[in-house]
Amino acid sequence: EGLFRCACLFNTTSSVNMAMYEEVKIQPLVVFAIAESHQRRNEEQKRVIGTLIGTVVDDAVIVKDCFVVPHNETHDEVAVDMEFGRNMVDMRRRVNSTEYVVGWFSSTQQISEHSALIQDYYDRETPTGVKPIHLSLDTDLAGDRPNIQAHISLPMGRPGSATQGAMFVKVPCSVMCLNAERVALHHLQQPRQSTDLLQIESACGKMQEQLSSVIRYVEAVLAGKEKGDDVIGRFLFDLVNQMPRMESHTLHTMLNGTTQDLLMMMYLATLSETPLNLMERIRTANL
């Protein structure tokens, strides 16, 4: 009653200093989940929204997971299923109590007056001292790669006035990948290999190229042709010390045993497909 809410976007460089977060780090699983939920949305929906789960560490928000929250949005109003969102958060706390609500996401980059209302809701759902972020993903793929933006809202208007608004301030964000996730993402970008052995061959070939590059660098430093880097030297020293020390024939026997186990698993998997295909053909013939 007598309350006017609006939303505006503020993207100047000086605005970043007004935010309480220096950076937003997003795990790849979150990006995939948002893109998939947008593809599975109802035809009448223009976007999907949901809750972001993560932690805040050293003035940086780490977004680790997310889930979709049902909502109904029209030109005049927006309705969010708050009870569903709270139940999902409660169930996740039972699994991992160290993670909590850090904000919400949208599968479009449009910021409207509805965004300010949703931001107010998540401002009440986040723990004390945590400012909710708004993460938007460009699912239209207008560029070569998905455009991901993160914002926080700051109050706008005269203090004590009935007229209130929200100013969305852009915060730097990046996709944070662990080593295992980086390998998986690289594999997804490659053309599909016909067999597992071809994938192993490709990985071994890449590893040989990297080892050859390291050997050339070490030999050039030892020969005085290139100036050594202390950081790279310490990294290689730690890497060599982490490798298990074994004789060449022991390593050869271990690799052969692993390869034989892999071939046996592939054979059993192929063998199990035969009766399944036969049963499927019999069932189809009976129909």
Protein backbone atom coordinates (compact mmCIF):
# COMPACT_ATOMS: atom_id res chain seq x y z
CA GLU A 1 0.00 0.00 0.00
CA GLY A 2 1.59 3.23 -1.13
CA LEU A 3 4.77 1.27 -1.93
CA PHE A 4 6.29 1.66 -5.36
CA ARG A 5 8.99 -0.78 -6.43
CA CYS A 6 11.23 -0.43 -9.43
CA ALA A 7 14.43 -1.95 -10.73
CA CYS A 8 17.25 -0.46 -12.69
CA LEU A 9 20.59 -1.74 -13.94
CA PHE A 10 23.80 0.01 -12.95
CA ASN A 11 26.94 -1.19 -14.72
CA THR A 12 29.55 1.53 -14.34
CA THR A 13 32.99 0.64 -13.04
CA SER A 14 32.60 2.68 -9.87
CA SER A 15 29.52 0.71 -8.93
CA VAL A 16 31.59 -2.43 -8.34
CA ASN A 17 33.21 -0.77 -5.33
CA MET A 18 29.77 -0.25 -3.81
CA ALA A 19 29.12 -4.00 -3.76
CA MET A 20 30.02 -6.08 -0.74
CA TYR A 21 31.32 -8.96 -2.89
CA GLU A 22 34.49 -8.81 -4.93
CA GLU A 23 33.75 -11.83 -7.12
CA VAL A 24 31.21 -14.56 -7.81
CA LYS A 25 32.61 -18.01 -8.65
CA ILE A 26 30.31 -20.50 -10.33
CA GLN A 27 30.82 -24.22 -10.70
CA PRO A 28 30.09 -25.68 -14.17
CA LEU A 29 27.26 -27.85 -12.83
CA VAL A 30 25.24 -24.71 -12.12
CA VAL A 31 25.55 -23.44 -15.69
CA PHE A 32 24.49 -26.82 -17.12
CA ALA A 33 21.53 -27.05 -14.71
CA ILE A 34 20.24 -23.58 -15.64
CA ALA A 35 20.57 -24.26 -19.37
CA GLU A 36 18.81 -27.62 -19.06
CA SER A 37 15.96 -26.21 -16.97
CA HIS A 38 15.44 -23.47 -19.55
CA GLN A 39 15.15 -26.08 -22.31
CA ARG A 40 12.61 -28.09 -20.27
CA ARG A 41 10.41 -25.12 -19.34
CA ASN A 42 6.76 -24.87 -20.33
CA GLU A 43 6.06 -23.31 -23.69
CA GLU A 44 4.23 -20.32 -22.19
CA GLN A 45 7.15 -19.46 -19.89
CA LYS A 46 9.73 -16.98 -21.11
CA ARG A 47 12.25 -17.89 -18.43
CA VAL A 48 12.85 -20.05 -15.39
CA ILE A 49 14.05 -18.88 -12.01
CA GLY A 50 15.48 -20.77 -9.08
CA THR A 51 17.59 -20.80 -5.94
CA LEU A 52 21.38 -20.71 -5.82
CA ILE A 53 23.15 -22.81 -3.18
CA GLY A 54 26.70 -22.18 -2.06
CA THR A 55 28.91 -20.40 0.43
CA VAL A 56 30.61 -17.04 0.99
CA VAL A 57 34.39 -17.15 1.50
CA ASP A 58 36.62 -14.06 1.79
CA ASP A 59 34.23 -11.61 0.11
CA ALA A 60 33.61 -14.06 -2.73
CA VAL A 61 30.42 -16.01 -3.41
CA ILE A 62 30.95 -19.63 -4.47
CA VAL A 63 27.86 -21.02 -6.21
CA LYS A 64 27.91 -24.83 -6.04
CA ASP A 65 24.39 -25.94 -6.91
CA CYS A 66 20.92 -24.71 -7.83
CA PHE A 67 17.34 -25.85 -8.30
CA VAL A 68 14.33 -24.48 -10.13
CA VAL A 69 11.48 -22.83 -8.20
CA PRO A 70 8.04 -22.86 -9.90
CA HIS A 71 6.71 -19.42 -10.66
CA ASN A 72 4.02 -17.73 -12.72
CA GLU A 73 4.90 -14.45 -14.36
CA THR A 74 2.69 -12.09 -16.31
CA HIS A 75 3.10 -8.53 -17.48
CA ASP A 76 1.53 -7.16 -14.29
CA GLU A 77 2.59 -9.54 -11.54
CA VAL A 78 4.81 -12.46 -10.55
CA ALA A 79 4.01 -15.32 -8.17
CA VAL A 80 6.73 -17.58 -6.74
CA ASP A 81 6.10 -20.89 -4.98
CA MET A 82 7.92 -19.91 -1.79
CA GLU A 83 6.82 -23.03 0.12
CA PHE A 84 8.43 -25.28 -2.50
CA GLY A 85 11.67 -23.32 -2.28
CA ARG A 86 11.81 -23.54 1.52
CA ASN A 87 11.12 -27.29 1.49
CA MET A 88 13.93 -27.87 -1.02
CA VAL A 89 16.33 -25.81 1.07
CA ASP A 90 15.40 -27.74 4.23
CA MET A 91 16.03 -31.07 2.52
CA ARG A 92 19.41 -29.92 1.22
CA ARG A 93 20.43 -28.77 4.68
CA ARG A 94 19.91 -32.31 5.93
CA VAL A 95 22.44 -33.52 3.36
CA ASN A 96 24.97 -30.68 3.67
CA SER A 97 24.53 -28.15 6.46
CA THR A 98 27.57 -26.09 5.37
CA GLU A 99 25.86 -24.77 2.22
CA TYR A 100 23.03 -22.27 2.21
CA VAL A 101 21.03 -19.93 -0.03
CA VAL A 102 23.24 -17.29 -1.67
CA GLY A 103 20.79 -15.88 -4.22
CA TRP A 104 18.70 -16.75 -7.25
CA PHE A 105 19.10 -17.22 -10.98
CA SER A 106 17.21 -16.39 -14.14
CA SER A 107 17.56 -18.00 -17.55
CA THR A 108 17.32 -14.58 -19.25
CA GLN A 109 19.30 -11.40 -18.72
CA GLN A 110 16.29 -9.13 -18.60
CA ILE A 111 15.98 -7.15 -15.36
CA SER A 112 12.53 -5.70 -14.64
CA GLU A 113 10.39 -4.62 -11.71
CA HIS A 114 9.64 -8.29 -11.11
CA SER A 115 13.35 -8.86 -10.47
CA ALA A 116 13.19 -6.41 -7.57
CA LEU A 117 10.28 -8.31 -6.01
CA ILE A 118 12.06 -11.65 -6.35
CA GLN A 119 15.22 -10.10 -4.93
CA ASP A 120 13.25 -8.96 -1.86
CA TYR A 121 12.03 -12.52 -1.30
CA TYR A 122 15.56 -13.96 -1.43
CA ASP A 123 16.80 -11.17 0.80
CA ARG A 124 14.62 -12.72 3.51
CA GLU A 125 15.69 -16.30 2.73
CA THR A 126 19.46 -15.82 2.91
CA PRO A 127 21.29 -16.08 6.25
CA THR A 128 22.06 -12.98 8.26
CA GLY A 129 24.95 -11.02 6.75
CA VAL A 130 24.63 -12.63 3.31
CA LYS A 131 23.50 -10.36 0.48
CA PRO A 132 21.69 -12.43 -2.18
CA ILE A 133 23.09 -12.30 -5.69
CA HIS A 134 21.14 -12.41 -8.93
CA LEU A 135 22.72 -14.65 -11.56
CA SER A 136 21.52 -14.32 -15.16
CA LEU A 137 22.43 -16.60 -18.06
CA ASP A 138 22.07 -15.73 -21.73
CA THR A 139 20.40 -18.92 -22.98
CA ASP A 140 19.85 -17.42 -26.45
CA LEU A 141 23.59 -17.79 -27.13
CA ALA A 142 23.85 -14.51 -28.97
CA GLY A 143 27.66 -14.73 -28.84
CA ASP A 144 30.24 -17.47 -29.17
CA ARG A 145 29.82 -18.50 -25.53
CA PRO A 146 27.14 -18.14 -22.84
CA ASN A 147 27.10 -14.71 -21.26
CA ILE A 148 26.88 -15.01 -17.47
CA GLN A 149 26.30 -11.95 -15.29
CA ALA A 150 26.00 -11.53 -11.54
CA HIS A 151 24.36 -8.62 -9.73
CA ILE A 152 23.47 -7.57 -6.23
CA SER A 153 20.74 -5.08 -5.40
CA LEU A 154 21.22 -1.87 -3.47
CA PRO A 155 18.33 0.24 -2.10
CA MET A 156 17.44 3.27 -4.16
CA GLY A 157 15.32 6.20 -3.06
CA ARG A 158 15.05 8.73 -0.25
CA PRO A 159 15.50 7.19 3.24
CA GLY A 160 12.21 6.97 5.11
CA SER A 161 10.19 7.58 1.97
CA ALA A 162 7.36 5.30 0.83
CA THR A 163 8.95 5.19 -2.60
CA GLN A 164 11.51 2.42 -2.72
CA GLY A 165 13.43 0.76 -5.48
CA ALA A 166 16.35 -1.53 -6.22
CA MET A 167 19.50 -0.75 -8.15
CA PHE A 168 21.20 -3.87 -9.53
CA VAL A 169 24.98 -3.53 -9.40
CA LYS A 170 27.12 -5.78 -11.55
CA VAL A 171 29.71 -7.97 -9.79
CA PRO A 172 32.59 -9.78 -11.58
CA CYS A 173 31.86 -13.48 -12.03
CA SER A 174 33.71 -16.46 -13.46
CA VAL A 175 33.28 -20.20 -13.90
CA MET A 176 35.41 -22.13 -11.43
CA CYS A 177 36.60 -25.55 -12.63
CA LEU A 178 38.38 -28.24 -10.66
CA ASN A 179 40.91 -30.43 -12.47
CA ALA A 180 38.45 -33.30 -12.84
CA GLU A 181 35.74 -30.94 -14.10
CA ARG A 182 38.12 -29.35 -16.58
CA VAL A 183 38.93 -32.77 -18.03
CA ALA A 184 35.22 -33.58 -18.31
CA LEU A 185 34.43 -30.26 -20.01
CA HIS A 186 37.28 -30.77 -22.47
CA HIS A 187 35.93 -34.23 -23.24
CA LEU A 188 32.43 -32.86 -23.88
CA GLN A 189 33.82 -30.35 -26.38
CA GLN A 190 35.49 -33.05 -28.43
CA PRO A 191 33.76 -35.13 -31.14
CA ARG A 192 32.32 -38.35 -29.83
CA GLN A 193 34.76 -41.27 -30.00
CA SER A 194 33.46 -44.60 -31.23
CA THR A 195 35.05 -46.75 -28.49
CA ASP A 196 36.59 -46.32 -25.06
CA LEU A 197 39.96 -47.42 -26.42
CA LEU A 198 39.99 -44.46 -28.82
CA GLN A 199 39.32 -42.13 -25.91
CA ILE A 200 42.21 -43.65 -23.97
CA GLU A 201 44.45 -43.36 -27.02
CA SER A 202 43.55 -39.70 -27.43
CA ALA A 203 44.22 -38.98 -23.74
CA CYS A 204 47.56 -40.79 -23.86
CA GLY A 205 48.57 -38.86 -26.97
CA LYS A 206 47.78 -35.55 -25.29
CA MET A 207 49.75 -36.58 -22.19
CA GLN A 208 52.76 -37.48 -24.35
CA GLU A 209 52.65 -34.06 -26.00
CA GLN A 210 52.60 -32.34 -22.61
CA LEU A 211 55.49 -34.47 -21.34
CA SER A 212 57.49 -33.69 -24.48
CA SER A 213 56.89 -29.97 -23.93
CA VAL A 214 58.10 -30.23 -20.32
CA ILE A 215 61.20 -32.19 -21.34
CA ARG A 216 62.10 -29.62 -24.01
CA TYR A 217 61.73 -26.81 -21.46
CA VAL A 218 63.93 -28.57 -18.86
CA GLU A 219 66.60 -29.38 -21.42
CA ALA A 220 66.62 -25.78 -22.67
CA VAL A 221 67.03 -24.46 -19.12
CA LEU A 222 69.85 -26.91 -18.35
CA ALA A 223 71.61 -25.97 -21.59
CA GLY A 224 71.34 -22.26 -20.76
CA LYS A 225 69.23 -21.52 -23.83
CA GLU A 226 66.25 -20.37 -21.77
CA LYS A 227 65.97 -18.64 -18.40
CA GLY A 228 64.42 -20.83 -15.74
CA ASP A 229 61.27 -19.89 -13.84
CA ASP A 230 61.31 -20.53 -10.09
CA VAL A 231 57.55 -21.14 -9.93
CA ILE A 232 57.65 -23.72 -12.72
CA GLY A 233 60.71 -25.35 -11.17
CA ARG A 234 59.00 -25.78 -7.78
CA PHE A 235 55.88 -27.11 -9.44
CA LEU A 236 57.84 -29.73 -11.42
CA PHE A 237 59.82 -30.66 -8.30
CA ASP A 238 56.64 -31.25 -6.28
CA LEU A 239 55.07 -33.13 -9.18
CA VAL A 240 58.03 -35.51 -9.52
CA ASN A 241 58.08 -36.18 -5.77
CA GLN A 242 54.39 -37.08 -5.82
CA MET A 243 54.93 -39.78 -8.42
CA PRO A 244 55.27 -43.32 -7.00
CA ARG A 245 58.74 -44.77 -7.40
CA MET A 246 58.67 -48.14 -9.15
CA GLU A 247 60.65 -50.11 -11.67
CA SER A 248 59.73 -49.97 -15.34
CA HIS A 249 58.70 -53.63 -15.49
CA THR A 250 56.40 -53.12 -12.46
CA LEU A 251 54.70 -50.20 -14.17
CA HIS A 252 54.41 -52.18 -17.41
CA THR A 253 52.77 -55.10 -15.59
CA MET A 254 50.34 -52.79 -13.80
CA LEU A 255 49.28 -51.06 -17.03
CA ASN A 256 48.79 -54.38 -18.81
CA GLY A 257 46.64 -55.67 -15.97
CA THR A 258 44.50 -52.54 -16.02
CA THR A 259 44.10 -52.78 -19.79
CA GLN A 260 43.04 -56.42 -19.55
CA ASP A 261 40.47 -55.54 -16.88
CA LEU A 262 39.10 -52.80 -19.11
CA LEU A 263 38.83 -55.14 -22.10
CA MET A 264 37.03 -57.72 -19.96
CA MET A 265 34.51 -55.12 -18.77
CA MET A 266 33.90 -54.00 -22.35
CA TYR A 267 33.39 -57.62 -23.42
CA LEU A 268 30.90 -58.33 -20.62
CA ALA A 269 29.00 -55.11 -21.36
CA THR A 270 28.73 -56.05 -25.03
CA LEU A 271 27.73 -59.61 -24.12
CA SER A 272 24.90 -58.38 -21.87
CA GLU A 273 23.45 -56.28 -24.70
CA THR A 274 22.75 -59.38 -26.83
CA PRO A 275 19.97 -60.94 -24.69
CA LEU A 276 18.47 -57.51 -24.04
CA ASN A 277 18.22 -56.80 -27.77
CA LEU A 278 16.80 -60.28 -28.34
CA MET A 279 14.13 -59.78 -25.66
CA GLU A 280 13.23 -56.39 -27.13
CA ARG A 281 12.77 -57.90 -30.60
CA ILE A 282 10.61 -60.72 -29.21
CA ARG A 283 8.44 -58.24 -27.33
CA THR A 284 8.04 -56.09 -30.44
CA ALA A 285 7.14 -59.12 -32.53
CA ASN A 286 4.46 -60.20 -30.04
CA LEU A 287 2.89 -56.75 -30.15
